[in-house]
C-alpha atoms as a PDB file:
ATOM      1  CA  MET A   1       7.479  17.366 -22.219  1.00  0.00           C
ATOM      2  CA  SER A   2       7.290  14.548 -19.620  1.00  0.00           C
ATOM      3  CA  ALA A   3       6.351  11.051 -20.317  1.00  0.00           C
ATOM      4  CA  THR A   4       3.637   9.129 -18.858  1.00  0.00           C
ATOM      5  CA  HIS A   5       4.189   5.550 -17.463  1.00  0.00           C
ATOM      6  CA  GLU A   6       1.992   2.398 -18.180  1.00  0.00           C
ATOM      7  CA  SER A   7      -0.053   1.807 -15.042  1.00  0.00           C
ATOM      8  CA  THR A   8      -2.453  -0.844 -13.835  1.00  0.00           C
ATOM      9  CA  THR A   9      -5.080  -0.347 -11.039  1.00  0.00           C
ATOM     10  CA  LEU A  10      -5.844  -3.055  -8.520  1.00  0.00           C
ATOM     11  CA  THR A  11      -8.890  -2.955  -6.171  1.00  0.00           C
ATOM     12  CA  VAL A  12     -10.243  -5.087  -3.262  1.00  0.00           C
ATOM     13  CA  ARG A  13     -13.462  -4.876  -1.327  1.00  0.00           C
ATOM     14  CA  ILE A  14     -13.300  -5.089   2.459  1.00  0.00           C
ATOM     15  CA  ASP A  15     -16.175  -5.460   4.795  1.00  0.00           C
ATOM     16  CA  ARG A  16     -15.130  -2.860   7.212  1.00  0.00           C
ATOM     17  CA  PRO A  17     -15.983   0.984   7.310  1.00  0.00           C
ATOM     18  CA  PRO A  18     -13.703   3.113   5.301  1.00  0.00           C
ATOM     19  CA  ARG A  19     -12.157   4.999   8.301  1.00  0.00           C
ATOM     20  CA  ASP A  20     -11.124   1.743  10.037  1.00  0.00           C
ATOM     21  CA  VAL A  21      -9.381   0.510   6.629  1.00  0.00           C
ATOM     22  CA  PHE A  22      -7.870   3.984   6.270  1.00  0.00           C
ATOM     23  CA  ASN A  23      -6.438   4.137   9.839  1.00  0.00           C
ATOM     24  CA  TYR A  24      -5.078   0.507   9.591  1.00  0.00           C
ATOM     25  CA  VAL A  25      -3.285   0.963   6.340  1.00  0.00           C
ATOM     26  CA  ARG A  26      -1.994   4.451   7.201  1.00  0.00           C
ATOM     27  CA  ASN A  27      -0.170   3.020  10.217  1.00  0.00           C
ATOM     28  CA  PRO A  28       3.355   1.817   8.740  1.00  0.00           C
ATOM     29  CA  GLU A  29       3.532  -0.722  11.827  1.00  0.00           C
ATOM     30  CA  ASN A  30       0.781  -2.654  10.054  1.00  0.00           C
ATOM     31  CA  LEU A  31       2.647  -3.068   6.774  1.00  0.00           C
ATOM     32  CA  PRO A  32       4.444  -6.363   7.708  1.00  0.00           C
ATOM     33  CA  ARG A  33       0.979  -7.853   8.620  1.00  0.00           C
ATOM     34  CA  TRP A  34      -0.576  -7.442   5.262  1.00  0.00           C
ATOM     35  CA  ALA A  35       1.863  -6.345   2.770  1.00  0.00           C
ATOM     36  CA  THR A  36       3.920  -9.477   3.121  1.00  0.00           C
ATOM     37  CA  SER A  37       5.156  -9.673  -0.618  1.00  0.00           C
ATOM     38  CA  PHE A  38       6.724  -6.179   0.049  1.00  0.00           C
ATOM     39  CA  CYS A  39       7.513  -5.426   3.677  1.00  0.00           C
ATOM     40  CA  ARG A  40       9.418  -7.605   6.086  1.00  0.00           C
ATOM     41  CA  SER A  41       9.352  -5.165   9.086  1.00  0.00           C
ATOM     42  CA  ALA A  42       8.782  -1.427   9.925  1.00  0.00           C
ATOM     43  CA  HIS A  43      10.265   0.862  12.540  1.00  0.00           C
ATOM     44  CA  ARG A  44      10.919   4.432  13.450  1.00  0.00           C
ATOM     45  CA  LEU A  45      14.222   5.897  13.040  1.00  0.00           C
ATOM     46  CA  ALA A  46      14.980   9.595  13.670  1.00  0.00           C
ATOM     47  CA  GLY A  47      11.303  10.480  13.137  1.00  0.00           C
ATOM     48  CA  GLU A  48      10.800   8.617   9.879  1.00  0.00           C
ATOM     49  CA  TRP A  49       9.273   5.307   9.105  1.00  0.00           C
ATOM     50  CA  MET A  50      11.838   2.718   7.754  1.00  0.00           C
ATOM     51  CA  ILE A  51      10.882  -0.435   6.185  1.00  0.00           C
ATOM     52  CA  ASP A  52      12.842  -3.430   5.254  1.00  0.00           C
ATOM     53  CA  THR A  53      11.577  -4.482   1.733  1.00  0.00           C
ATOM     54  CA  VAL A  54      12.396  -7.508  -0.447  1.00  0.00           C
ATOM     55  CA  SER A  55      14.578  -5.072  -2.252  1.00  0.00           C
ATOM     56  CA  GLY A  56      16.301  -3.448   0.633  1.00  0.00           C
ATOM     57  CA  PRO A  57      15.838  -0.695   3.174  1.00  0.00           C
ATOM     58  CA  ALA A  58      13.445   2.114   2.344  1.00  0.00           C
ATOM     59  CA  MET A  59      11.655   5.070   4.085  1.00  0.00           C
ATOM     60  CA  ILE A  60       7.768   5.361   3.715  1.00  0.00           C
ATOM     61  CA  ARG A  61       5.807   8.567   4.315  1.00  0.00           C
ATOM     62  CA  PHE A  62       2.131   8.920   3.871  1.00  0.00           C
ATOM     63  CA  LEU A  63       0.727  12.167   2.820  1.00  0.00           C
ATOM     64  CA  SER A  64      -1.144  14.112   5.581  1.00  0.00           C
ATOM     65  CA  ASP A  65      -4.155  12.718   7.338  1.00  0.00           C
ATOM     66  CA  ASN A  66      -7.388  13.416   5.639  1.00  0.00           C
ATOM     67  CA  PRO A  67     -11.034  12.720   5.637  1.00  0.00           C
ATOM     68  CA  LEU A  68     -10.984  11.761   2.096  1.00  0.00           C
ATOM     69  CA  GLY A  69      -9.374   8.356   2.195  1.00  0.00           C
ATOM     70  CA  VAL A  70      -6.228   9.440   0.359  1.00  0.00           C
ATOM     71  CA  LEU A  71      -3.497   7.010   1.170  1.00  0.00           C
ATOM     72  CA  ASP A  72      -0.823   8.158  -1.275  1.00  0.00           C
ATOM     73  CA  HIS A  73       2.631   7.585  -0.035  1.00  0.00           C
ATOM     74  CA  LEU A  74       6.233   8.034  -1.005  1.00  0.00           C
ATOM     75  CA  LEU A  75       8.818   5.440  -0.888  1.00  0.00           C
ATOM     76  CA  ARG A  76      12.468   6.340  -0.773  1.00  0.00           C
ATOM     77  CA  THR A  77      14.827   3.720  -1.544  1.00  0.00           C
ATOM     78  CA  ALA A  78      18.268   3.191  -0.208  1.00  0.00           C
ATOM     79  CA  SER A  79      19.729   4.716  -3.544  1.00  0.00           C
ATOM     80  CA  GLY A  80      17.566   7.774  -2.875  1.00  0.00           C
ATOM     81  CA  GLU A  81      14.868   7.282  -5.582  1.00  0.00           C
ATOM     82  CA  GLU A  82      11.529   8.386  -4.623  1.00  0.00           C
ATOM     83  CA  ILE A  83       8.614   6.528  -5.842  1.00  0.00           C
ATOM     84  CA  TYR A  84       5.070   7.878  -5.572  1.00  0.00           C
ATOM     85  CA  VAL A  85       2.365   5.299  -4.867  1.00  0.00           C
ATOM     86  CA  PRO A  86      -1.241   6.400  -5.280  1.00  0.00           C
ATOM     87  CA  MET A  87      -3.695   4.551  -3.219  1.00  0.00           C
ATOM     88  CA  ARG A  88      -7.376   5.327  -1.905  1.00  0.00           C
ATOM     89  CA  VAL A  89      -9.991   3.842   0.395  1.00  0.00           C
ATOM     90  CA  ILE A  90     -13.720   4.717  -0.587  1.00  0.00           C
ATOM     91  CA  ALA A  91     -16.910   3.772   0.687  1.00  0.00           C
ATOM     92  CA  ASN A  92     -18.722   0.920  -0.966  1.00  0.00           C
ATOM     93  CA  GLY A  93     -21.970   0.367   0.781  1.00  0.00           C
ATOM     94  CA  SER A  94     -21.312  -0.142   4.496  1.00  0.00           C
ATOM     95  CA  GLY A  95     -17.768  -1.519   3.610  1.00  0.00           C
ATOM     96  CA  SER A  96     -14.747  -0.125   1.581  1.00  0.00           C
ATOM     97  CA  GLU A  97     -13.117  -0.308  -1.667  1.00  0.00           C
ATOM     98  CA  VAL A  98      -9.203  -0.062  -1.777  1.00  0.00           C
ATOM     99  CA  ILE A  99      -7.797   1.160  -4.839  1.00  0.00           C
ATOM    100  CA  PHE A 100      -4.046   0.817  -5.609  1.00  0.00           C
ATOM    101  CA  THR A 101      -2.319   2.287  -8.851  1.00  0.00           C
ATOM    102  CA  LEU A 102       0.933   0.508  -9.761  1.00  0.00           C
ATOM    103  CA  PHE A 103       3.154   2.389 -12.242  1.00  0.00           C
ATOM    104  CA  ARG A 104       5.523   0.598 -14.382  1.00  0.00           C
ATOM    105  CA  LEU A 105       8.953   2.423 -13.773  1.00  0.00           C
ATOM    106  CA  PRO A 106      11.396   2.802 -16.591  1.00  0.00           C
ATOM    107  CA  GLY A 107      13.368  -0.240 -17.369  1.00  0.00           C
ATOM    108  CA  THR A 108      10.902  -2.461 -15.928  1.00  0.00           C
ATOM    109  CA  SER A 109      10.286  -5.731 -18.063  1.00  0.00           C
ATOM    110  CA  ASP A 110       6.978  -7.108 -18.994  1.00  0.00           C
ATOM    111  CA  GLU A 111       7.598  -9.991 -16.565  1.00  0.00           C
ATOM    112  CA  LYS A 112       8.598  -7.680 -13.538  1.00  0.00           C
ATOM    113  CA  PHE A 113       5.704  -5.490 -14.149  1.00  0.00           C
ATOM    114  CA  ALA A 114       3.248  -8.486 -14.130  1.00  0.00           C
ATOM    115  CA  ALA A 115       5.096 -10.023 -11.000  1.00  0.00           C
ATOM    116  CA  ASP A 116       4.712  -6.730  -9.140  1.00  0.00           C
ATOM    117  CA  ALA A 117       1.045  -6.481  -9.960  1.00  0.00           C
ATOM    118  CA  GLU A 118       0.526 -10.152  -8.802  1.00  0.00           C
ATOM    119  CA  MET A 119       2.504  -9.151  -5.364  1.00  0.00           C
ATOM    120  CA  VAL A 120       0.053  -6.132  -4.826  1.00  0.00           C
ATOM    121  CA  ARG A 121      -2.958  -8.118  -5.681  1.00  0.00           C
ATOM    122  CA  LYS A 122      -1.808 -10.797  -3.094  1.00  0.00           C
ATOM    123  CA  ASP A 123      -1.141  -8.080  -0.454  1.00  0.00           C
ATOM    124  CA  LEU A 124      -4.569  -6.357  -0.920  1.00  0.00           C
ATOM    125  CA  GLN A 125      -6.127  -9.850  -0.386  1.00  0.00           C
ATOM    126  CA  ASN A 126      -4.004 -10.208   2.719  1.00  0.00           C
ATOM    127  CA  LEU A 127      -5.181  -6.736   3.748  1.00  0.00           C
ATOM    128  CA  LYS A 128      -8.797  -7.868   3.322  1.00  0.00           C
ATOM    129  CA  ALA A 129      -8.500 -11.004   5.145  1.00  0.00           C
ATOM    130  CA  GLU A 130      -6.394  -9.212   8.154  1.00  0.00           C
ATOM    131  CA  LEU A 131      -9.143  -6.568   8.503  1.00  0.00           C
ATOM    132  CA  GLU A 132     -12.130  -8.995   8.122  1.00  0.00           C
ATOM    133  CA  ARG A 133     -10.736 -11.388  10.553  1.00  0.00           C
ATOM    134  CA  ALA A 134     -10.065  -8.510  13.126  1.00  0.00           C
ATOM    135  CA  GLU A 135     -13.810  -7.646  12.632  1.00  0.00           C
ATOM    136  CA  SER A 136     -15.018 -11.061  13.075  1.00  0.00           C
ATOM    137  CA  SER A 137     -12.937 -11.587  16.222  1.00  0.00           C
ATOM    138  CA  ALA A 138     -14.267  -8.378  17.679  1.00  0.00           C
ATOM    139  CA  ALA A 139     -17.978  -9.512  17.142  1.00  0.00           C
END
């Protein structure tokens, strides 16, 4: 029998169409622009997207392109650990709602889990600001 992990779900509303948000988030090149608490840089290496994170190098792979707004991705750390990250973008009126589920990994303290959630919250606000600023610049 497998154990479940504690989780928290964080959301942000973005005044941009869901497909615009999906396409922006799904491109790993954009991670350093909005996920600043997590990602310092991103580059392709041997056909994979490598990112430099606050915890060291990692590989990121989004699940296949899809019309449903599923942005689930896998992170493979330098130690080889794979971390599944569920993420969605759904329509909210003419804009979008981004939904990010953070799992508490084994051995993570209460303080670290709270800090990780705060980092995700900040990065989602960065995503909102980045995309809404781009929209207002284009207008």
